[in-house]
Amino acid sequence: MCAVIRTLSGGQVGSRRFVVRAGDDLGRAVAEIRRHRRLTQHQLADRAGLDRTRLARLESGHRTIALDDLMLLLRRLGATVTVTFEDSDAEA
């Protein structure tokens, strides 16, 4: 599975793109987008209705998050997500 997170910046879609293949990739992407938006963990957690320590553990790659919570979090960051499933058994 591969998730592509796109953010809006200056009215342009896709100005920043993150390819997520594992949980720690997701955490790094969320942290980078949050910092780019000049938000603290506390501010983003409040906006998304999450506990700040839960967000911190997600950003550090030490915790997973429910899909509903992830989508809310990314919407609060102004991001969209595209998920594709790669068939590892497909013949080249």
Foldseek 3Di string as FASTA:
>chain_A
DKKWKWADDPNDIRPDIFIDDAQQSLLCVLVVLCVVVVHDLVRLCVQLVHDSVQSVCSNRSNDDDDPVSSVSSSVSSRMDMDDDDDDPPDDD
